């Protein structure tokens, strides 16, 4: 898995190669490498519980995603179809105990997510996550080197603090 994110927390990248998760801050030129479980879903859960790293769009890839949404939602509304970046989409909105969400799902054979907006209503200042997901390629043949982090010159290695360490 490779993620590049730009937002309030700066520009950062995550690389997961099946053995480690590498975090790199482009703004600070610093990185950390953390050993992980071998499966993507276990890695995501472990990194969230241990380090507070969130992967909001990853929820779409959990096998129980639809069941979880149905079970956790206080309300779930189908708002019809709309267009996002020229693509016809189903627009779905809902509320759960700690967030509101909207999903735009493509109206084609693959029904892939196109846009996601999540507002965390139980956190200070109600932070929002928004993503536009484009250029999907289903089952591409990618070289494993894409998911291996190689620190840039003069990058400083740091130790990632766990949530329990941060709360002390």
C-alpha atoms as a PDB file:
ATOM      1  CA  UNK A   1       0.000   0.000   0.000  1.00  0.00           C
ATOM      2  CA  UNK A   2       1.191   3.493  -0.754  1.00  0.00           C
ATOM      3  CA  UNK A   3      -0.555   6.665   0.448  1.00  0.00           C
ATOM      4  CA  UNK A   4       0.436  10.266  -0.118  1.00  0.00           C
ATOM      5  CA  UNK A   5      -1.577  12.774   1.874  1.00  0.00           C
ATOM      6  CA  UNK A   6      -1.591  16.551   2.058  1.00  0.00           C
ATOM      7  CA  UNK A   7      -3.679  18.387   4.637  1.00  0.00           C
ATOM      8  CA  UNK A   8      -3.672  19.996   8.060  1.00  0.00           C
ATOM      9  CA  UNK A   9      -1.076  17.479   9.263  1.00  0.00           C
ATOM     10  CA  UNK A  10       1.259  18.428   6.413  1.00  0.00           C
ATOM     11  CA  UNK A  11       2.482  16.426   3.451  1.00  0.00           C
ATOM     12  CA  UNK A  12       3.241  12.851   4.360  1.00  0.00           C
ATOM     13  CA  UNK A  13       3.528   9.404   2.859  1.00  0.00           C
ATOM     14  CA  UNK A  14       2.931   5.883   4.133  1.00  0.00           C
ATOM     15  CA  UNK A  15       4.493   2.782   2.595  1.00  0.00           C
ATOM     16  CA  UNK A  16       3.371  -0.721   3.567  1.00  0.00           C
ATOM     17  CA  UNK A  17       5.331  -3.668   2.178  1.00  0.00           C
ATOM     18  CA  UNK A  18       3.675  -6.519   4.101  1.00  0.00           C
ATOM     19  CA  UNK A  19       6.290  -6.404   6.891  1.00  0.00           C
ATOM     20  CA  UNK A  20       6.684  -2.743   7.871  1.00  0.00           C
ATOM     21  CA  UNK A  21       4.841   0.555   7.674  1.00  0.00           C
ATOM     22  CA  UNK A  22       7.117   3.457   6.824  1.00  0.00           C
ATOM     23  CA  UNK A  23       5.975   6.984   7.613  1.00  0.00           C
ATOM     24  CA  UNK A  24       7.660   9.924   5.911  1.00  0.00           C
ATOM     25  CA  UNK A  25       7.030  13.622   6.586  1.00  0.00           C
ATOM     26  CA  UNK A  26       7.863  15.548   3.426  1.00  0.00           C
ATOM     27  CA  UNK A  27       7.673  18.840   5.360  1.00  0.00           C
ATOM     28  CA  UNK A  28      10.171  17.806   8.033  1.00  0.00           C
ATOM     29  CA  UNK A  29      12.251  15.305   6.049  1.00  0.00           C
ATOM     30  CA  UNK A  30      11.900  12.729   8.814  1.00  0.00           C
ATOM     31  CA  UNK A  31      10.708   9.143   8.820  1.00  0.00           C
ATOM     32  CA  UNK A  32       9.902   6.158  10.967  1.00  0.00           C
ATOM     33  CA  UNK A  33       9.719   2.449  10.162  1.00  0.00           C
ATOM     34  CA  UNK A  34       7.357   0.289  12.246  1.00  0.00           C
ATOM     35  CA  UNK A  35       7.106  -3.536  12.176  1.00  0.00           C
ATOM     36  CA  UNK A  36       3.545  -4.642  11.313  1.00  0.00           C
ATOM     37  CA  UNK A  37       1.317  -7.683  10.994  1.00  0.00           C
ATOM     38  CA  UNK A  38       1.420  -9.345   7.541  1.00  0.00           C
ATOM     39  CA  UNK A  39      -2.156  -8.567   6.415  1.00  0.00           C
ATOM     40  CA  UNK A  40      -3.318  -5.142   5.287  1.00  0.00           C
ATOM     41  CA  UNK A  41      -6.443  -5.091   7.475  1.00  0.00           C
ATOM     42  CA  UNK A  42      -4.488  -6.200  10.576  1.00  0.00           C
ATOM     43  CA  UNK A  43      -1.861  -3.553   9.862  1.00  0.00           C
ATOM     44  CA  UNK A  44      -4.488  -0.810   9.568  1.00  0.00           C
ATOM     45  CA  UNK A  45      -6.200  -1.862  12.821  1.00  0.00           C
ATOM     46  CA  UNK A  46      -2.889  -2.176  14.704  1.00  0.00           C
ATOM     47  CA  UNK A  47      -1.542   1.191  13.520  1.00  0.00           C
ATOM     48  CA  UNK A  48      -4.795   2.893  14.477  1.00  0.00           C
ATOM     49  CA  UNK A  49      -4.968   1.346  17.960  1.00  0.00           C
ATOM     50  CA  UNK A  50      -1.252   1.655  18.739  1.00  0.00           C
ATOM     51  CA  UNK A  51      -0.257   4.939  17.077  1.00  0.00           C
ATOM     52  CA  UNK A  52      -3.541   6.711  16.289  1.00  0.00           C
ATOM     53  CA  UNK A  53      -2.826   6.602  12.554  1.00  0.00           C
ATOM     54  CA  UNK A  54      -6.116   6.785  10.688  1.00  0.00           C
ATOM     55  CA  UNK A  55      -6.781   5.427   7.208  1.00  0.00           C
ATOM     56  CA  UNK A  56     -10.366   6.710   6.648  1.00  0.00           C
ATOM     57  CA  UNK A  57     -10.790   5.544   3.051  1.00  0.00           C
ATOM     58  CA  UNK A  58      -9.550   2.059   3.931  1.00  0.00           C
ATOM     59  CA  UNK A  59     -12.960   1.255   5.436  1.00  0.00           C
ATOM     60  CA  UNK A  60     -14.195   0.586   1.889  1.00  0.00           C
ATOM     61  CA  UNK A  61     -11.912  -2.440   1.688  1.00  0.00           C
ATOM     62  CA  UNK A  62     -13.088  -4.217   4.835  1.00  0.00           C
ATOM     63  CA  UNK A  63     -15.133  -7.298   3.898  1.00  0.00           C
ATOM     64  CA  UNK A  64     -17.792  -6.216   6.426  1.00  0.00           C
ATOM     65  CA  UNK A  65     -17.969  -2.558   5.275  1.00  0.00           C
ATOM     66  CA  UNK A  66     -21.648  -2.533   4.239  1.00  0.00           C
ATOM     67  CA  UNK A  67     -22.735  -4.547   7.304  1.00  0.00           C
ATOM     68  CA  UNK A  68     -20.730  -2.203   9.578  1.00  0.00           C
ATOM     69  CA  UNK A  69     -22.329   0.904   8.036  1.00  0.00           C
ATOM     70  CA  UNK A  70     -25.809  -0.575   8.413  1.00  0.00           C
ATOM     71  CA  UNK A  71     -25.165  -1.621  12.033  1.00  0.00           C
ATOM     72  CA  UNK A  72     -23.449   1.608  13.158  1.00  0.00           C
ATOM     73  CA  UNK A  73     -25.594   4.207  11.379  1.00  0.00           C
ATOM     74  CA  UNK A  74     -28.265   6.144  13.206  1.00  0.00           C
ATOM     75  CA  UNK A  75     -29.661   7.020   9.810  1.00  0.00           C
ATOM     76  CA  UNK A  76     -28.673   6.236   6.272  1.00  0.00           C
ATOM     77  CA  UNK A  77     -30.081   8.173   3.326  1.00  0.00           C
ATOM     78  CA  UNK A  78     -29.863   7.603  -0.407  1.00  0.00           C
ATOM     79  CA  UNK A  79     -29.753  11.085  -1.941  1.00  0.00           C
ATOM     80  CA  UNK A  80     -30.050  10.010  -5.575  1.00  0.00           C
ATOM     81  CA  UNK A  81     -27.476  10.295  -8.316  1.00  0.00           C
ATOM     82  CA  UNK A  82     -25.081  13.151  -8.939  1.00  0.00           C
ATOM     83  CA  UNK A  83     -21.944  13.757 -10.961  1.00  0.00           C
ATOM     84  CA  UNK A  84     -18.435  13.895  -9.458  1.00  0.00           C
ATOM     85  CA  UNK A  85     -15.564  14.707 -11.820  1.00  0.00           C
ATOM     86  CA  UNK A  86     -17.728  13.779 -14.802  1.00  0.00           C
ATOM     87  CA  UNK A  87     -18.700  10.378 -13.364  1.00  0.00           C
ATOM     88  CA  UNK A  88     -22.305   9.487 -12.527  1.00  0.00           C
ATOM     89  CA  UNK A  89     -22.472   8.446  -8.836  1.00  0.00           C
ATOM     90  CA  UNK A  90     -24.890   7.201  -6.206  1.00  0.00           C
ATOM     91  CA  UNK A  91     -24.855   9.697  -3.298  1.00  0.00           C
ATOM     92  CA  UNK A  92     -25.301   8.195   0.186  1.00  0.00           C
ATOM     93  CA  UNK A  93     -25.190  10.045   3.525  1.00  0.00           C
ATOM     94  CA  UNK A  94     -25.491   8.981   7.130  1.00  0.00           C
ATOM     95  CA  UNK A  95     -24.756   9.588  10.767  1.00  0.00           C
ATOM     96  CA  UNK A  96     -23.001   7.297  13.237  1.00  0.00           C
ATOM     97  CA  UNK A  97     -22.283   7.886  16.936  1.00  0.00           C
ATOM     98  CA  UNK A  98     -19.035   9.788  16.304  1.00  0.00           C
ATOM     99  CA  UNK A  99     -19.257  11.004  12.705  1.00  0.00           C
ATOM    100  CA  UNK A 100     -21.340  12.031   9.761  1.00  0.00           C
ATOM    101  CA  UNK A 101     -20.403  10.738   6.338  1.00  0.00           C
ATOM    102  CA  UNK A 102     -21.164  11.034   2.667  1.00  0.00           C
ATOM    103  CA  UNK A 103     -20.115   8.597  -0.037  1.00  0.00           C
ATOM    104  CA  UNK A 104     -20.313   8.963  -3.788  1.00  0.00           C
ATOM    105  CA  UNK A 105     -20.156   5.517  -5.413  1.00  0.00           C
ATOM    106  CA  UNK A 106     -19.692   5.128  -9.173  1.00  0.00           C
ATOM    107  CA  UNK A 107     -22.726   4.018 -11.134  1.00  0.00           C
ATOM    108  CA  UNK A 108     -20.821   1.540 -13.307  1.00  0.00           C
ATOM    109  CA  UNK A 109     -19.949  -2.145 -13.333  1.00  0.00           C
ATOM    110  CA  UNK A 110     -17.371  -1.827 -10.533  1.00  0.00           C
ATOM    111  CA  UNK A 111     -19.332   0.476  -8.141  1.00  0.00           C
ATOM    112  CA  UNK A 112     -16.128   1.941  -6.709  1.00  0.00           C
ATOM    113  CA  UNK A 113     -15.955   4.906  -4.335  1.00  0.00           C
ATOM    114  CA  UNK A 114     -15.339   8.217  -6.101  1.00  0.00           C
ATOM    115  CA  UNK A 115     -15.606  10.681  -3.215  1.00  0.00           C
ATOM    116  CA  UNK A 116     -15.709  10.407   0.579  1.00  0.00           C
ATOM    117  CA  UNK A 117     -16.443  13.085   3.187  1.00  0.00           C
ATOM    118  CA  UNK A 118     -16.295  12.239   6.898  1.00  0.00           C
ATOM    119  CA  UNK A 119     -16.890  14.797   9.673  1.00  0.00           C
ATOM    120  CA  UNK A 120     -15.812  13.699  13.165  1.00  0.00           C
ATOM    121  CA  UNK A 121     -18.515  15.267  15.353  1.00  0.00           C
ATOM    122  CA  UNK A 122     -17.066  14.145  18.706  1.00  0.00           C
ATOM    123  CA  UNK A 123     -13.615  15.676  18.216  1.00  0.00           C
ATOM    124  CA  UNK A 124     -12.600  19.264  18.921  1.00  0.00           C
ATOM    125  CA  UNK A 125     -13.511  21.586  16.051  1.00  0.00           C
ATOM    126  CA  UNK A 126     -15.146  18.706  14.119  1.00  0.00           C
ATOM    127  CA  UNK A 127     -12.235  17.805  11.816  1.00  0.00           C
ATOM    128  CA  UNK A 128     -13.162  16.693   8.335  1.00  0.00           C
ATOM    129  CA  UNK A 129     -11.652  14.154   5.977  1.00  0.00           C
ATOM    130  CA  UNK A 130     -12.325  14.471   2.272  1.00  0.00           C
ATOM    131  CA  UNK A 131     -10.939  12.382  -0.561  1.00  0.00           C
ATOM    132  CA  UNK A 132     -11.537  12.171  -4.280  1.00  0.00           C
ATOM    133  CA  UNK A 133     -10.571   8.712  -5.528  1.00  0.00           C
ATOM    134  CA  UNK A 134      -9.680   8.637  -9.216  1.00  0.00           C
ATOM    135  CA  UNK A 135      -7.888   6.562 -11.809  1.00  0.00           C
ATOM    136  CA  UNK A 136      -8.826   3.195 -10.326  1.00  0.00           C
ATOM    137  CA  UNK A 137      -6.962   0.229 -11.760  1.00  0.00           C
ATOM    138  CA  UNK A 138      -8.354  -3.141 -10.742  1.00  0.00           C
ATOM    139  CA  UNK A 139      -5.679  -5.739  -9.923  1.00  0.00           C
ATOM    140  CA  UNK A 140      -2.738  -3.994 -11.583  1.00  0.00           C
ATOM    141  CA  UNK A 141       0.583  -5.807 -11.765  1.00  0.00           C
ATOM    142  CA  UNK A 142       2.842  -3.499  -9.743  1.00  0.00           C
ATOM    143  CA  UNK A 143       6.465  -4.065  -8.773  1.00  0.00           C
ATOM    144  CA  UNK A 144       6.989  -4.552  -5.031  1.00  0.00           C
ATOM    145  CA  UNK A 145       9.630  -1.795  -5.091  1.00  0.00           C
ATOM    146  CA  UNK A 146       6.769   0.752  -5.258  1.00  0.00           C
ATOM    147  CA  UNK A 147       5.874  -0.104  -1.668  1.00  0.00           C
ATOM    148  CA  UNK A 148       9.399  -0.039  -0.265  1.00  0.00           C
ATOM    149  CA  UNK A 149      10.482   3.188   1.393  1.00  0.00           C
ATOM    150  CA  UNK A 150      13.962   4.492   0.699  1.00  0.00           C
ATOM    151  CA  UNK A 151      14.780   7.522   2.869  1.00  0.00           C
ATOM    152  CA  UNK A 152      15.820  10.629   0.952  1.00  0.00           C
ATOM    153  CA  UNK A 153      19.285  12.059   1.564  1.00  0.00           C
ATOM    154  CA  UNK A 154      19.629  13.764   4.952  1.00  0.00           C
ATOM    155  CA  UNK A 155      16.250  12.442   6.143  1.00  0.00           C
ATOM    156  CA  UNK A 156      16.222  12.000   9.912  1.00  0.00           C
ATOM    157  CA  UNK A 157      14.947   8.753  11.424  1.00  0.00           C
ATOM    158  CA  UNK A 158      12.548   9.255  14.351  1.00  0.00           C
ATOM    159  CA  UNK A 159      10.791   6.907  16.742  1.00  0.00           C
ATOM    160  CA  UNK A 160       7.005   6.813  16.390  1.00  0.00           C
ATOM    161  CA  UNK A 161       5.339   7.349  19.788  1.00  0.00           C
ATOM    162  CA  UNK A 162       2.454   5.044  20.695  1.00  0.00           C
ATOM    163  CA  UNK A 163      -0.887   6.439  21.872  1.00  0.00           C
ATOM    164  CA  UNK A 164      -0.265   5.104  25.383  1.00  0.00           C
ATOM    165  CA  UNK A 165       3.071   6.982  25.452  1.00  0.00           C
ATOM    166  CA  UNK A 166       1.424  10.202  24.192  1.00  0.00           C
ATOM    167  CA  UNK A 167      -1.246  10.051  26.915  1.00  0.00           C
ATOM    168  CA  UNK A 168       1.239   9.850  29.804  1.00  0.00           C
END
